[in-house]
Amino acid sequence: MFDPEKKQMLVNRLKSIEGHVRGIERMVEEDAYCMDILKQVKAVQQALERVSALTLENHLNTCVTTAIRSDDEAEKTRVVAEIMDIFKATGKL
């Protein structure tokens, strides 16, 4: 769960990314130079990576911290497995 300030920051970032993607769509429709399109795509990818990192940080500081501090061993195992699954799915492990 996000605190209201972090949540708004992420929503704003995502709206910015959405606008950026629309700009790339226009570039494609207007036959913009391929390298210019690729630069914009890379910028969007980096922006999404930042959203991902901020979301992971929030998750670690809230949900995971709560689970690790609990006495519920199954919950501890579940949150660790959940994080490992994300890293495996993204090829980061």
C-alpha atoms as a PDB file:
ATOM      1  CA  MET A   1       0.000   0.000   0.000  1.00  0.00           C
ATOM      2  CA  PHE A   2       1.330   3.431  -0.928  1.00  0.00           C
ATOM      3  CA  ASP A   3       1.167   6.491   1.230  1.00  0.00           C
ATOM      4  CA  PRO A   4      -0.869   9.189  -0.560  1.00  0.00           C
ATOM      5  CA  GLU A   5       2.179  11.290  -1.541  1.00  0.00           C
ATOM      6  CA  LYS A   6       4.082   8.365  -3.099  1.00  0.00           C
ATOM      7  CA  LYS A   7       0.935   7.147  -4.795  1.00  0.00           C
ATOM      8  CA  GLN A   8       0.338  10.540  -6.417  1.00  0.00           C
ATOM      9  CA  MET A   9       3.978  10.719  -7.499  1.00  0.00           C
ATOM     10  CA  LEU A  10       3.705   7.335  -9.220  1.00  0.00           C
ATOM     11  CA  VAL A  11       0.387   8.236 -10.853  1.00  0.00           C
ATOM     12  CA  ASN A  12       1.953  11.445 -12.180  1.00  0.00           C
ATOM     13  CA  ARG A  13       4.936   9.518 -13.547  1.00  0.00           C
ATOM     14  CA  LEU A  14       2.649   7.016 -15.239  1.00  0.00           C
ATOM     15  CA  LYS A  15       0.576   9.778 -16.818  1.00  0.00           C
ATOM     16  CA  SER A  16       3.770  11.347 -18.116  1.00  0.00           C
ATOM     17  CA  ILE A  17       4.845   8.003 -19.563  1.00  0.00           C
ATOM     18  CA  GLU A  18       1.429   7.600 -21.161  1.00  0.00           C
ATOM     19  CA  GLY A  19       1.814  10.973 -22.866  1.00  0.00           C
ATOM     20  CA  HIS A  20       5.295  10.061 -23.984  1.00  0.00           C
ATOM     21  CA  VAL A  21       4.007   6.818 -25.547  1.00  0.00           C
ATOM     22  CA  ARG A  22       1.350   8.787 -27.424  1.00  0.00           C
ATOM     23  CA  GLY A  23       4.132  11.021 -28.724  1.00  0.00           C
ATOM     24  CA  ILE A  24       6.011   7.975 -29.985  1.00  0.00           C
ATOM     25  CA  GLU A  25       2.848   6.761 -31.682  1.00  0.00           C
ATOM     26  CA  ARG A  26       2.587  10.102 -33.496  1.00  0.00           C
ATOM     27  CA  MET A  27       6.237   9.861 -34.497  1.00  0.00           C
ATOM     28  CA  VAL A  28       5.604   6.456 -36.056  1.00  0.00           C
ATOM     29  CA  GLU A  29       2.473   7.691 -37.825  1.00  0.00           C
ATOM     30  CA  GLU A  30       4.426  10.655 -39.206  1.00  0.00           C
ATOM     31  CA  ASP A  31       7.358   8.480 -40.341  1.00  0.00           C
ATOM     32  CA  ALA A  32       9.857  10.109 -37.992  1.00  0.00           C
ATOM     33  CA  TYR A  33      13.500   9.111 -38.194  1.00  0.00           C
ATOM     34  CA  CYS A  34      13.930   5.610 -36.722  1.00  0.00           C
ATOM     35  CA  MET A  35      16.750   6.591 -34.368  1.00  0.00           C
ATOM     36  CA  ASP A  36      14.620   9.400 -32.935  1.00  0.00           C
ATOM     37  CA  ILE A  37      11.834   6.909 -32.257  1.00  0.00           C
ATOM     38  CA  LEU A  38      14.266   4.476 -30.650  1.00  0.00           C
ATOM     39  CA  LYS A  39      15.607   7.204 -28.360  1.00  0.00           C
ATOM     40  CA  GLN A  40      12.083   7.993 -27.206  1.00  0.00           C
ATOM     41  CA  VAL A  41      11.280   4.308 -26.663  1.00  0.00           C
ATOM     42  CA  LYS A  42      14.427   3.991 -24.539  1.00  0.00           C
ATOM     43  CA  ALA A  43      13.358   7.008 -22.482  1.00  0.00           C
ATOM     44  CA  VAL A  44       9.973   5.370 -21.817  1.00  0.00           C
ATOM     45  CA  GLN A  45      11.644   2.095 -20.854  1.00  0.00           C
ATOM     46  CA  GLN A  46      13.881   3.914 -18.384  1.00  0.00           C
ATOM     47  CA  ALA A  47      10.896   5.779 -16.942  1.00  0.00           C
ATOM     48  CA  LEU A  48       9.027   2.491 -16.474  1.00  0.00           C
ATOM     49  CA  GLU A  49      12.095   0.979 -14.807  1.00  0.00           C
ATOM     50  CA  ARG A  50      12.044   3.891 -12.353  1.00  0.00           C
ATOM     51  CA  VAL A  51       8.349   3.269 -11.612  1.00  0.00           C
ATOM     52  CA  SER A  52       9.189  -0.389 -11.082  1.00  0.00           C
ATOM     53  CA  ALA A  53      12.074   0.445  -8.729  1.00  0.00           C
ATOM     54  CA  LEU A  54       9.937   2.842  -6.689  1.00  0.00           C
ATOM     55  CA  THR A  55       7.146   0.268  -6.461  1.00  0.00           C
ATOM     56  CA  LEU A  56       9.578  -2.436  -5.362  1.00  0.00           C
ATOM     57  CA  GLU A  57      11.084  -0.106  -2.764  1.00  0.00           C
ATOM     58  CA  ASN A  58       7.619   0.628  -1.399  1.00  0.00           C
ATOM     59  CA  HIS A  59       6.758  -3.071  -1.319  1.00  0.00           C
ATOM     60  CA  LEU A  60       9.948  -3.906   0.557  1.00  0.00           C
ATOM     61  CA  ASN A  61       9.365  -1.126   3.073  1.00  0.00           C
ATOM     62  CA  THR A  62       5.740  -2.043   3.710  1.00  0.00           C
ATOM     63  CA  CYS A  63       4.418  -5.491   2.818  1.00  0.00           C
ATOM     64  CA  VAL A  64       7.701  -7.390   3.021  1.00  0.00           C
ATOM     65  CA  THR A  65       8.835  -5.729   6.233  1.00  0.00           C
ATOM     66  CA  THR A  66       5.504  -6.536   7.863  1.00  0.00           C
ATOM     67  CA  ALA A  67       5.636 -10.164   6.691  1.00  0.00           C
ATOM     68  CA  ILE A  68       9.239 -10.706   7.790  1.00  0.00           C
ATOM     69  CA  ARG A  69       8.506  -9.305  11.257  1.00  0.00           C
ATOM     70  CA  SER A  70       5.468 -11.523  11.705  1.00  0.00           C
ATOM     71  CA  ASP A  71       5.475 -14.929  13.340  1.00  0.00           C
ATOM     72  CA  ASP A  72       3.796 -16.477  10.293  1.00  0.00           C
ATOM     73  CA  GLU A  73       6.494 -18.580   8.615  1.00  0.00           C
ATOM     74  CA  ALA A  74       4.291 -19.284   5.591  1.00  0.00           C
ATOM     75  CA  GLU A  75       3.834 -15.559   5.002  1.00  0.00           C
ATOM     76  CA  LYS A  76       7.584 -14.968   5.246  1.00  0.00           C
ATOM     77  CA  THR A  77       8.223 -17.693   2.705  1.00  0.00           C
ATOM     78  CA  ARG A  78       5.473 -16.379   0.429  1.00  0.00           C
ATOM     79  CA  VAL A  79       6.810 -12.809   0.232  1.00  0.00           C
ATOM     80  CA  VAL A  80      10.373 -13.969  -0.428  1.00  0.00           C
ATOM     81  CA  ALA A  81       9.149 -16.331  -3.169  1.00  0.00           C
ATOM     82  CA  GLU A  82       7.037 -13.536  -4.640  1.00  0.00           C
ATOM     83  CA  ILE A  83      10.061 -11.237  -4.937  1.00  0.00           C
ATOM     84  CA  MET A  84      12.205 -14.017  -6.389  1.00  0.00           C
ATOM     85  CA  ASP A  85       9.519 -14.767  -8.985  1.00  0.00           C
ATOM     86  CA  ILE A  86       9.524 -11.131 -10.147  1.00  0.00           C
ATOM     87  CA  PHE A  87      13.286 -11.096 -10.537  1.00  0.00           C
ATOM     88  CA  LYS A  88      13.263 -14.418 -12.378  1.00  0.00           C
ATOM     89  CA  ALA A  89      10.479 -13.237 -14.712  1.00  0.00           C
ATOM     90  CA  THR A  90      12.431 -10.117 -15.611  1.00  0.00           C
ATOM     91  CA  GLY A  91      15.649 -12.015 -16.216  1.00  0.00           C
ATOM     92  CA  LYS A  92      17.405 -10.195 -13.378  1.00  0.00           C
ATOM     93  CA  LEU A  93      18.438 -13.511 -11.774  1.00  0.00           C
END
